[in-house]
PDB file of N, CA and C in Angstrom:
ATOM      1  N   MET A   1     -76.742  92.258  -6.523  1.00  0.00           N
ATOM      2  CA  MET A   1     -76.180  91.967  -5.133  1.00  0.00           C
ATOM      3  C   MET A   1     -75.516  90.647  -5.061  1.00  0.00           C
ATOM      4  N   LYS A   2     -75.881  89.652  -5.828  1.00  0.00           N
ATOM      5  CA  LYS A   2     -75.404  88.285  -5.710  1.00  0.00           C
ATOM      6  C   LYS A   2     -74.021  88.306  -6.216  1.00  0.00           C
ATOM      7  N   ILE A   3     -73.930  89.029  -7.339  1.00  0.00           N
ATOM      8  CA  ILE A   3     -72.360  89.176  -8.101  1.00  0.00           C
ATOM      9  C   ILE A   3     -71.617  90.004  -7.157  1.00  0.00           C
ATOM     10  N   LEU A   4     -71.865  90.999  -6.402  1.00  0.00           N
ATOM     11  CA  LEU A   4     -71.155  91.683  -5.625  1.00  0.00           C
ATOM     12  C   LEU A   4     -70.647  90.640  -4.279  1.00  0.00           C
ATOM     13  N   ALA A   5     -71.573  89.994  -3.793  1.00  0.00           N
ATOM     14  CA  ALA A   5     -71.344  89.323  -2.876  1.00  0.00           C
ATOM     15  C   ALA A   5     -70.306  88.069  -3.203  1.00  0.00           C
ATOM     16  N   LYS A   6     -70.656  87.333  -4.423  1.00  0.00           N
ATOM     17  CA  LYS A   6     -69.749  86.373  -4.813  1.00  0.00           C
ATOM     18  C   LYS A   6     -68.264  87.113  -5.118  1.00  0.00           C
ATOM     19  N   THR A   7     -68.291  88.269  -5.552  1.00  0.00           N
ATOM     20  CA  THR A   7     -66.935  88.868  -5.918  1.00  0.00           C
ATOM     21  C   THR A   7     -66.164  89.162  -4.585  1.00  0.00           C
ATOM     22  N   VAL A   8     -66.909  89.628  -3.660  1.00  0.00           N
ATOM     23  CA  VAL A   8     -66.086  89.856  -2.434  1.00  0.00           C
ATOM     24  C   VAL A   8     -65.663  88.620  -1.718  1.00  0.00           C
ATOM     25  N   TRP A   9     -66.484  87.578  -1.760  1.00  0.00           N
ATOM     26  CA  TRP A   9     -66.096  86.211  -1.338  1.00  0.00           C
ATOM     27  C   TRP A   9     -64.919  85.599  -2.003  1.00  0.00           C
ATOM     28  N   LEU A  10     -64.812  85.756  -3.374  1.00  0.00           N
ATOM     29  CA  LEU A  10     -63.977  85.135  -4.138  1.00  0.00           C
ATOM     30  C   LEU A  10     -62.746  85.949  -3.898  1.00  0.00           C
ATOM     31  N   THR A  11     -62.781  87.217  -3.901  1.00  0.00           N
ATOM     32  CA  THR A  11     -61.543  88.127  -3.552  1.00  0.00           C
ATOM     33  C   THR A  11     -60.844  87.695  -2.202  1.00  0.00           C
ATOM     34  N   ALA A  12     -61.822  87.522  -1.154  1.00  0.00           N
ATOM     35  CA  ALA A  12     -61.025  87.201   0.181  1.00  0.00           C
ATOM     36  C   ALA A  12     -60.428  85.735   0.067  1.00  0.00           C
ATOM     37  N   VAL A  13     -61.008  84.785  -0.699  1.00  0.00           N
ATOM     38  CA  VAL A  13     -60.407  83.733  -0.743  1.00  0.00           C
ATOM     39  C   VAL A  13     -59.215  83.658  -1.613  1.00  0.00           C
ATOM     40  N   PHE A  14     -59.187  84.231  -2.608  1.00  0.00           N
ATOM     41  CA  PHE A  14     -58.108  84.523  -3.477  1.00  0.00           C
ATOM     42  C   PHE A  14     -56.930  85.034  -2.552  1.00  0.00           C
ATOM     43  N   MET A  15     -57.146  85.961  -1.968  1.00  0.00           N
ATOM     44  CA  MET A  15     -56.357  86.779  -1.041  1.00  0.00           C
ATOM     45  C   MET A  15     -55.712  85.771   0.040  1.00  0.00           C
ATOM     46  N   VAL A  16     -56.570  84.842   0.678  1.00  0.00           N
ATOM     47  CA  VAL A  16     -55.869  83.932   1.575  1.00  0.00           C
ATOM     48  C   VAL A  16     -55.064  82.770   0.754  1.00  0.00           C
ATOM     49  N   CYS A  17     -55.560  82.408  -0.095  1.00  0.00           N
ATOM     50  CA  CYS A  17     -54.713  81.455  -1.243  1.00  0.00           C
ATOM     51  C   CYS A  17     -53.450  81.882  -1.449  1.00  0.00           C
ATOM     52  N   LEU A  18     -53.461  83.190  -1.896  1.00  0.00           N
ATOM     53  CA  LEU A  18     -52.124  83.956  -2.516  1.00  0.00           C
ATOM     54  C   LEU A  18     -51.322  84.167  -1.316  1.00  0.00           C
ATOM     55  N   SER A  19     -51.706  84.376  -0.045  1.00  0.00           N
ATOM     56  CA  SER A  19     -50.926  84.607   1.004  1.00  0.00           C
ATOM     57  C   SER A  19     -50.299  83.161   1.389  1.00  0.00           C
ATOM     58  N   LEU A  20     -51.134  82.133   1.434  1.00  0.00           N
ATOM     59  CA  LEU A  20     -50.610  80.746   1.514  1.00  0.00           C
ATOM     60  C   LEU A  20     -49.522  80.211   0.550  1.00  0.00           C
ATOM     61  N   LEU A  21     -49.608  80.745  -0.668  1.00  0.00           N
ATOM     62  CA  LEU A  21     -48.809  80.377  -1.757  1.00  0.00           C
ATOM     63  C   LEU A  21     -47.356  81.030  -1.544  1.00  0.00           C
ATOM     64  N   THR A  22     -47.529  82.250  -0.931  1.00  0.00           N
ATOM     65  CA  THR A  22     -46.118  82.906  -0.739  1.00  0.00           C
ATOM     66  C   THR A  22     -45.319  82.517   0.420  1.00  0.00           C
ATOM     67  N   VAL A  23     -45.937  81.673   1.307  1.00  0.00           N
ATOM     68  CA  VAL A  23     -45.344  81.330   2.580  1.00  0.00           C
ATOM     69  C   VAL A  23     -44.029  80.395   2.227  1.00  0.00           C
ATOM     70  N   GLY A  24     -44.082  79.608   1.140  1.00  0.00           N
ATOM     71  CA  GLY A  24     -42.911  78.942   0.757  1.00  0.00           C
ATOM     72  C   GLY A  24     -42.900  77.635   1.517  1.00  0.00           C
ATOM     73  N   CYS A  25     -41.834  76.852   1.451  1.00  0.00           N
ATOM     74  CA  CYS A  25     -41.579  75.631   2.067  1.00  0.00           C
ATOM     75  C   CYS A  25     -40.695  75.688   3.429  1.00  0.00           C
ATOM     76  N   THR A  26     -40.735  76.698   4.029  1.00  0.00           N
ATOM     77  CA  THR A  26     -40.114  76.763   5.419  1.00  0.00           C
ATOM     78  C   THR A  26     -40.928  76.149   6.503  1.00  0.00           C
ATOM     79  N   LYS A  27     -40.376  76.058   7.697  1.00  0.00           N
ATOM     80  CA  LYS A  27     -41.148  75.285   8.769  1.00  0.00           C
ATOM     81  C   LYS A  27     -41.946  76.465   9.312  1.00  0.00           C
ATOM     82  N   TYR A  28     -41.616  77.740   9.291  1.00  0.00           N
ATOM     83  CA  TYR A  28     -42.174  78.953  10.232  1.00  0.00           C
ATOM     84  C   TYR A  28     -42.470  79.901   9.115  1.00  0.00           C
ATOM     85  N   ALA A  29     -43.492  80.648   9.298  1.00  0.00           N
ATOM     86  CA  ALA A  29     -44.048  81.668   8.516  1.00  0.00           C
ATOM     87  C   ALA A  29     -43.091  82.950   8.832  1.00  0.00           C
ATOM     88  N   SER A  30     -42.782  83.726   7.828  1.00  0.00           N
ATOM     89  CA  SER A  30     -41.945  84.970   8.121  1.00  0.00           C
ATOM     90  C   SER A  30     -42.952  85.990   8.475  1.00  0.00           C
ATOM     91  N   PRO A  31     -42.193  87.020   9.295  1.00  0.00           N
ATOM     92  CA  PRO A  31     -43.077  88.113   9.708  1.00  0.00           C
ATOM     93  C   PRO A  31     -43.806  88.682   8.424  1.00  0.00           C
ATOM     94  N   ASP A  32     -43.265  88.751   7.158  1.00  0.00           N
ATOM     95  CA  ASP A  32     -43.978  89.448   6.104  1.00  0.00           C
ATOM     96  C   ASP A  32     -45.209  88.627   5.638  1.00  0.00           C
ATOM     97  N   ASP A  33     -44.917  87.345   5.817  1.00  0.00           N
ATOM     98  CA  ASP A  33     -46.116  86.218   5.542  1.00  0.00           C
ATOM     99  C   ASP A  33     -47.322  86.468   6.577  1.00  0.00           C
ATOM    100  N   LEU A  34     -46.912  86.573   7.679  1.00  0.00           N
ATOM    101  CA  LEU A  34     -47.830  86.792   8.838  1.00  0.00           C
ATOM    102  C   LEU A  34     -48.657  88.013   8.756  1.00  0.00           C
ATOM    103  N   LYS A  35     -47.842  89.106   8.195  1.00  0.00           N
ATOM    104  CA  LYS A  35     -48.772  90.401   7.906  1.00  0.00           C
ATOM    105  C   LYS A  35     -49.530  90.154   6.836  1.00  0.00           C
ATOM    106  N   LYS A  36     -49.137  89.574   5.718  1.00  0.00           N
ATOM    107  CA  LYS A  36     -49.991  89.401   4.645  1.00  0.00           C
ATOM    108  C   LYS A  36     -51.193  88.585   4.920  1.00  0.00           C
ATOM    109  N   LEU A  37     -50.965  87.436   5.694  1.00  0.00           N
ATOM    110  CA  LEU A  37     -52.180  86.737   6.131  1.00  0.00           C
ATOM    111  C   LEU A  37     -53.046  87.470   7.058  1.00  0.00           C
ATOM    112  N   ASP A  38     -52.524  88.250   7.817  1.00  0.00           N
ATOM    113  CA  ASP A  38     -53.481  89.019   8.797  1.00  0.00           C
ATOM    114  C   ASP A  38     -54.272  90.229   8.018  1.00  0.00           C
ATOM    115  N   GLU A  39     -53.528  90.721   6.935  1.00  0.00           N
ATOM    116  CA  GLU A  39     -54.353  91.654   6.006  1.00  0.00           C
ATOM    117  C   GLU A  39     -55.347  90.847   5.219  1.00  0.00           C
ATOM    118  N   ALA A  40     -55.093  89.835   4.859  1.00  0.00           N
ATOM    119  CA  ALA A  40     -56.068  88.974   4.023  1.00  0.00           C
ATOM    120  C   ALA A  40     -57.215  88.768   5.030  1.00  0.00           C
ATOM    121  N   GLN A  41     -57.028  88.393   6.303  1.00  0.00           N
ATOM    122  CA  GLN A  41     -58.154  87.894   7.303  1.00  0.00           C
ATOM    123  C   GLN A  41     -59.137  89.300   7.524  1.00  0.00           C
ATOM    124  N   LYS A  42     -58.233  90.342   7.767  1.00  0.00           N
ATOM    125  CA  LYS A  42     -59.021  91.656   7.944  1.00  0.00           C
ATOM    126  C   LYS A  42     -59.846  91.878   6.609  1.00  0.00           C
ATOM    127  N   ALA A  43     -59.550  91.822   5.449  1.00  0.00           N
ATOM    128  CA  ALA A  43     -60.195  91.941   4.241  1.00  0.00           C
ATOM    129  C   ALA A  43     -61.303  91.073   4.263  1.00  0.00           C
ATOM    130  N   ALA A  44     -61.118  89.820   4.553  1.00  0.00           N
ATOM    131  CA  ALA A  44     -62.321  88.828   4.562  1.00  0.00           C
ATOM    132  C   ALA A  44     -63.422  89.407   5.470  1.00  0.00           C
ATOM    133  N   VAL A  45     -62.939  89.694   6.735  1.00  0.00           N
ATOM    134  CA  VAL A  45     -63.933  90.102   7.921  1.00  0.00           C
ATOM    135  C   VAL A  45     -64.695  91.439   7.236  1.00  0.00           C
ATOM    136  N   SER A  46     -63.957  92.284   6.602  1.00  0.00           N
ATOM    137  CA  SER A  46     -64.539  93.566   6.252  1.00  0.00           C
ATOM    138  C   SER A  46     -65.529  93.128   5.269  1.00  0.00           C
ATOM    139  N   ALA A  47     -65.000  92.192   4.407  1.00  0.00           N
ATOM    140  CA  ALA A  47     -66.027  91.804   3.335  1.00  0.00           C
ATOM    141  C   ALA A  47     -67.224  91.286   3.645  1.00  0.00           C
ATOM    142  N   GLU A  48     -67.248  90.433   4.753  1.00  0.00           N
ATOM    143  CA  GLU A  48     -68.562  89.705   5.319  1.00  0.00           C
ATOM    144  C   GLU A  48     -69.278  90.723   6.149  1.00  0.00           C
ATOM    145  N   LYS A  49     -68.636  91.587   6.732  1.00  0.00           N
ATOM    146  CA  LYS A  49     -69.428  92.705   7.381  1.00  0.00           C
ATOM    147  C   LYS A  49     -70.200  93.542   6.351  1.00  0.00           C
ATOM    148  N   GLU A  50     -69.688  93.936   5.260  1.00  0.00           N
ATOM    149  CA  GLU A  50     -70.193  94.608   4.167  1.00  0.00           C
ATOM    150  C   GLU A  50     -71.437  93.722   3.375  1.00  0.00           C
ATOM    151  N   LEU A  51     -71.263  92.462   3.442  1.00  0.00           N
ATOM    152  CA  LEU A  51     -72.043  91.615   2.797  1.00  0.00           C
ATOM    153  C   LEU A  51     -73.446  91.561   3.756  1.00  0.00           C
ATOM    154  N   ASP A  52     -73.200  91.456   4.953  1.00  0.00           N
ATOM    155  CA  ASP A  52     -74.321  91.392   5.893  1.00  0.00           C
ATOM    156  C   ASP A  52     -75.090  92.833   5.927  1.00  0.00           C
ATOM    157  N   GLN A  53     -74.264  93.918   5.752  1.00  0.00           N
ATOM    158  CA  GLN A  53     -74.840  95.094   5.746  1.00  0.00           C
ATOM    159  C   GLN A  53     -75.716  95.213   4.381  1.00  0.00           C
ATOM    160  N   LEU A  54     -75.311  94.738   3.338  1.00  0.00           N
ATOM    161  CA  LEU A  54     -76.081  94.994   1.970  1.00  0.00           C
ATOM    162  C   LEU A  54     -77.155  93.845   2.034  1.00  0.00           C
ATOM    163  N   LYS A  55     -77.000  92.822   2.752  1.00  0.00           N
ATOM    164  CA  LYS A  55     -78.248  91.917   2.762  1.00  0.00           C
ATOM    165  C   LYS A  55     -79.475  92.640   3.743  1.00  0.00           C
ATOM    166  N   LYS A  56     -79.056  93.272   4.677  1.00  0.00           N
ATOM    167  CA  LYS A  56     -80.042  93.990   5.637  1.00  0.00           C
ATOM    168  C   LYS A  56     -80.666  95.032   4.632  1.00  0.00           C
ATOM    169  N   GLU A  57     -79.811  95.732   3.780  1.00  0.00           N
ATOM    170  CA  GLU A  57     -80.310  96.765   3.088  1.00  0.00           C
ATOM    171  C   GLU A  57     -81.420  96.300   1.937  1.00  0.00           C
ATOM    172  N   ARG A  58     -80.899  95.149   1.322  1.00  0.00           N
ATOM    173  CA  ARG A  58     -81.788  94.533   0.439  1.00  0.00           C
ATOM    174  C   ARG A  58     -83.089  94.291   1.115  1.00  0.00           C
ATOM    175  N   ALA A  59     -83.097  93.757   2.215  1.00  0.00           N
ATOM    176  CA  ALA A  59     -84.325  93.040   2.915  1.00  0.00           C
ATOM    177  C   ALA A  59     -85.298  94.369   3.124  1.00  0.00           C
ATOM    178  N   ASP A  60     -84.668  95.570   3.579  1.00  0.00           N
ATOM    179  CA  ASP A  60     -85.459  96.828   3.819  1.00  0.00           C
ATOM    180  C   ASP A  60     -85.798  97.244   2.488  1.00  0.00           C
ATOM    181  N   LEU A  61     -85.297  97.173   1.381  1.00  0.00           N
ATOM    182  CA  LEU A  61     -85.493  97.661   0.219  1.00  0.00           C
ATOM    183  C   LEU A  61     -86.826  96.843  -0.472  1.00  0.00           C
ATOM    184  N   GLU A  62     -86.676  95.474  -0.233  1.00  0.00           N
ATOM    185  CA  GLU A  62     -87.782  94.573  -0.521  1.00  0.00           C
ATOM    186  C   GLU A  62     -89.098  94.847   0.257  1.00  0.00           C
ATOM    187  N   ARG A  63     -88.912  95.118   1.592  1.00  0.00           N
ATOM    188  CA  ARG A  63     -90.060  95.441   2.308  1.00  0.00           C
ATOM    189  C   ARG A  63     -90.640  96.791   1.798  1.00  0.00           C
ATOM    190  N   GLN A  64     -89.815  97.811   1.551  1.00  0.00           N
ATOM    191  CA  GLN A  64     -90.440  99.078   1.128  1.00  0.00           C
ATOM    192  C   GLN A  64     -91.160  98.689  -0.302  1.00  0.00           C
ATOM    193  N   ILE A  65     -90.625  98.037  -1.152  1.00  0.00           N
ATOM    194  CA  ILE A  65     -91.397  97.804  -2.292  1.00  0.00           C
ATOM    195  C   ILE A  65     -92.666  97.261  -2.013  1.00  0.00           C
ATOM    196  N   ALA A  66     -92.696  96.018  -1.171  1.00  0.00           N
ATOM    197  CA  ALA A  66     -93.918  95.653  -0.990  1.00  0.00           C
ATOM    198  C   ALA A  66     -95.000  96.518  -0.387  1.00  0.00           C
ATOM    199  N   GLN A  67     -94.540  97.392   0.562  1.00  0.00           N
ATOM    200  CA  GLN A  67     -95.447  98.248   0.998  1.00  0.00           C
ATOM    201  C   GLN A  67     -95.991  99.165  -0.003  1.00  0.00           C
ATOM    202  N   LYS A  68     -94.893  99.589  -1.019  1.00  0.00           N
ATOM    203  CA  LYS A  68     -95.592 100.641  -1.964  1.00  0.00           C
ATOM    204  C   LYS A  68     -96.413 100.078  -2.929  1.00  0.00           C
ATOM    205  N   GLN A  69     -96.283  98.637  -3.245  1.00  0.00           N
ATOM    206  CA  GLN A  69     -97.085  97.984  -4.240  1.00  0.00           C
ATOM    207  C   GLN A  69     -98.401  97.696  -3.466  1.00  0.00           C
ATOM    208  N   HIS A  70     -98.468  97.654  -2.038  1.00  0.00           N
ATOM    209  CA  HIS A  70     -99.692  97.640  -1.418  1.00  0.00           C
ATOM    210  C   HIS A  70    -100.371  98.920  -1.428  1.00  0.00           C
ATOM    211  N   GLU A  71     -99.738 100.010  -1.230  1.00  0.00           N
ATOM    212  CA  GLU A  71    -100.224 101.372  -1.435  1.00  0.00           C
ATOM    213  C   GLU A  71    -100.797 101.611  -2.887  1.00  0.00           C
ATOM    214  N   LEU A  72    -100.071 101.237  -3.850  1.00  0.00           N
ATOM    215  CA  LEU A  72    -100.423 101.325  -5.288  1.00  0.00           C
ATOM    216  C   LEU A  72    -101.764 100.673  -5.529  1.00  0.00           C
ATOM    217  N   ASP A  73    -101.776  99.337  -4.996  1.00  0.00           N
ATOM    218  CA  ASP A  73    -102.973  98.535  -5.248  1.00  0.00           C
ATOM    219  C   ASP A  73    -104.358  99.377  -4.588  1.00  0.00           C
ATOM    220  N   ASP A  74    -104.046  99.967  -3.266  1.00  0.00           N
ATOM    221  CA  ASP A  74    -105.282 100.612  -2.776  1.00  0.00           C
ATOM    222  C   ASP A  74    -105.627 101.826  -3.537  1.00  0.00           C
ATOM    223  N   LEU A  75    -104.643 102.394  -4.024  1.00  0.00           N
ATOM    224  CA  LEU A  75    -105.021 103.761  -4.810  1.00  0.00           C
ATOM    225  C   LEU A  75    -105.570 103.402  -6.122  1.00  0.00           C
ATOM    226  N   GLN A  76    -105.235 102.306  -6.794  1.00  0.00           N
ATOM    227  CA  GLN A  76    -105.725 101.936  -8.100  1.00  0.00           C
ATOM    228  C   GLN A  76    -107.222 101.491  -7.817  1.00  0.00           C
ATOM    229  N   GLU A  77    -107.525 100.820  -6.459  1.00  0.00           N
ATOM    230  CA  GLU A  77    -108.995 100.437  -6.279  1.00  0.00           C
ATOM    231  C   GLU A  77    -109.752 101.705  -6.117  1.00  0.00           C
ATOM    232  N   GLN A  78    -109.331 102.771  -5.291  1.00  0.00           N
ATOM    233  CA  GLN A  78    -109.819 103.856  -5.189  1.00  0.00           C
ATOM    234  C   GLN A  78    -110.311 104.776  -6.537  1.00  0.00           C
ATOM    235  N   LEU A  79    -109.232 104.613  -7.455  1.00  0.00           N
ATOM    236  CA  LEU A  79    -109.253 105.284  -8.602  1.00  0.00           C
ATOM    237  C   LEU A  79    -110.311 104.452  -9.661  1.00  0.00           C
ATOM    238  N   ASP A  80    -110.420 103.148  -9.486  1.00  0.00           N
ATOM    239  CA  ASP A  80    -111.417 102.462 -10.162  1.00  0.00           C
ATOM    240  C   ASP A  80    -112.817 102.685  -9.685  1.00  0.00           C
ATOM    241  N   GLU A  81    -113.003 102.846  -8.288  1.00  0.00           N
ATOM    242  CA  GLU A  81    -114.276 103.283  -7.652  1.00  0.00           C
ATOM    243  C   GLU A  81    -114.722 104.613  -8.259  1.00  0.00           C
ATOM    244  N   ILE A  82    -113.714 105.540  -8.198  1.00  0.00           N
ATOM    245  CA  ILE A  82    -114.002 106.942  -8.841  1.00  0.00           C
ATOM    246  C   ILE A  82    -114.575 107.001 -10.050  1.00  0.00           C
ATOM    247  N   LYS A  83    -113.690 106.142 -11.077  1.00  0.00           N
ATOM    248  CA  LYS A  83    -114.246 106.119 -12.407  1.00  0.00           C
ATOM    249  C   LYS A  83    -115.561 105.405 -12.533  1.00  0.00           C
ATOM    250  N   GLY A  84    -115.888 104.513 -11.761  1.00  0.00           N
ATOM    251  CA  GLY A  84    -117.092 103.645 -11.727  1.00  0.00           C
ATOM    252  C   GLY A  84    -118.262 104.972 -11.296  1.00  0.00           C
ATOM    253  N   ILE A  85    -117.927 105.659 -10.459  1.00  0.00           N
ATOM    254  CA  ILE A  85    -119.096 106.781  -9.903  1.00  0.00           C
ATOM    255  C   ILE A  85    -119.201 107.746 -11.029  1.00  0.00           C
ATOM    256  N   ALA A  86    -118.020 108.392 -11.470  1.00  0.00           N
ATOM    257  CA  ALA A  86    -118.232 109.587 -12.343  1.00  0.00           C
ATOM    258  C   ALA A  86    -117.269 109.293 -13.728  1.00  0.00           C
ATOM    259  N   PRO A  87    -117.851 108.616 -14.639  1.00  0.00           N
ATOM    260  CA  PRO A  87    -116.951 108.445 -15.700  1.00  0.00           C
ATOM    261  C   PRO A  87    -116.570 109.561 -16.582  1.00  0.00           C
ATOM    262  N   ALA A  88    -115.661 109.554 -17.563  1.00  0.00           N
ATOM    263  CA  ALA A  88    -115.277 110.595 -18.218  1.00  0.00           C
ATOM    264  C   ALA A  88    -116.367 111.548 -18.814  1.00  0.00           C
ATOM    265  N   GLY A  89    -117.298 111.074 -19.313  1.00  0.00           N
ATOM    266  CA  GLY A  89    -118.476 111.780 -19.852  1.00  0.00           C
ATOM    267  C   GLY A  89    -119.243 112.610 -18.908  1.00  0.00           C
ATOM    268  N   GLY A  90    -118.969 112.414 -17.566  1.00  0.00           N
ATOM    269  CA  GLY A  90    -119.717 113.257 -16.549  1.00  0.00           C
ATOM    270  C   GLY A  90    -121.154 112.644 -16.024  1.00  0.00           C
ATOM    271  N   GLU A  91    -121.360 111.551 -16.759  1.00  0.00           N
ATOM    272  CA  GLU A  91    -122.753 110.741 -16.472  1.00  0.00           C
ATOM    273  C   GLU A  91    -122.210 109.819 -15.210  1.00  0.00           C
ATOM    274  N   VAL A  92    -123.368 109.829 -14.271  1.00  0.00           N
ATOM    275  CA  VAL A  92    -123.135 108.878 -13.347  1.00  0.00           C
ATOM    276  C   VAL A  92    -123.875 107.658 -13.588  1.00  0.00           C
ATOM    277  N   LYS A  93    -123.388 106.418 -13.384  1.00  0.00           N
ATOM    278  CA  LYS A  93    -123.942 104.992 -13.626  1.00  0.00           C
ATOM    279  C   LYS A  93    -124.822 104.751 -12.386  1.00  0.00           C
ATOM    280  N   GLN A  94    -125.949 104.200 -12.742  1.00  0.00           N
ATOM    281  CA  GLN A  94    -126.979 103.843 -11.724  1.00  0.00           C
ATOM    282  C   GLN A  94    -126.930 102.359 -11.476  1.00  0.00           C
TER     283      GLN A  94
END
């Protein structure tokens, strides 16, 4: 996830830098330059939204993992109790 986030961020920064380099030395930006800058800004906003969504998804998955681990621990305790009561030989421990 961190690699994807860094990639998205670096892509957005690269696009903004590229659009700034294509502006040239004129006093005003050309309509084409403004269009490229607007597209880069939209891409950056989109990447940030995707990053936020992925962070939320990751947090949800981590919460699910913790819940499943807790369930597994409970079931393991139950299994250990059952094994203590009736071992594989069929004899009950006193």
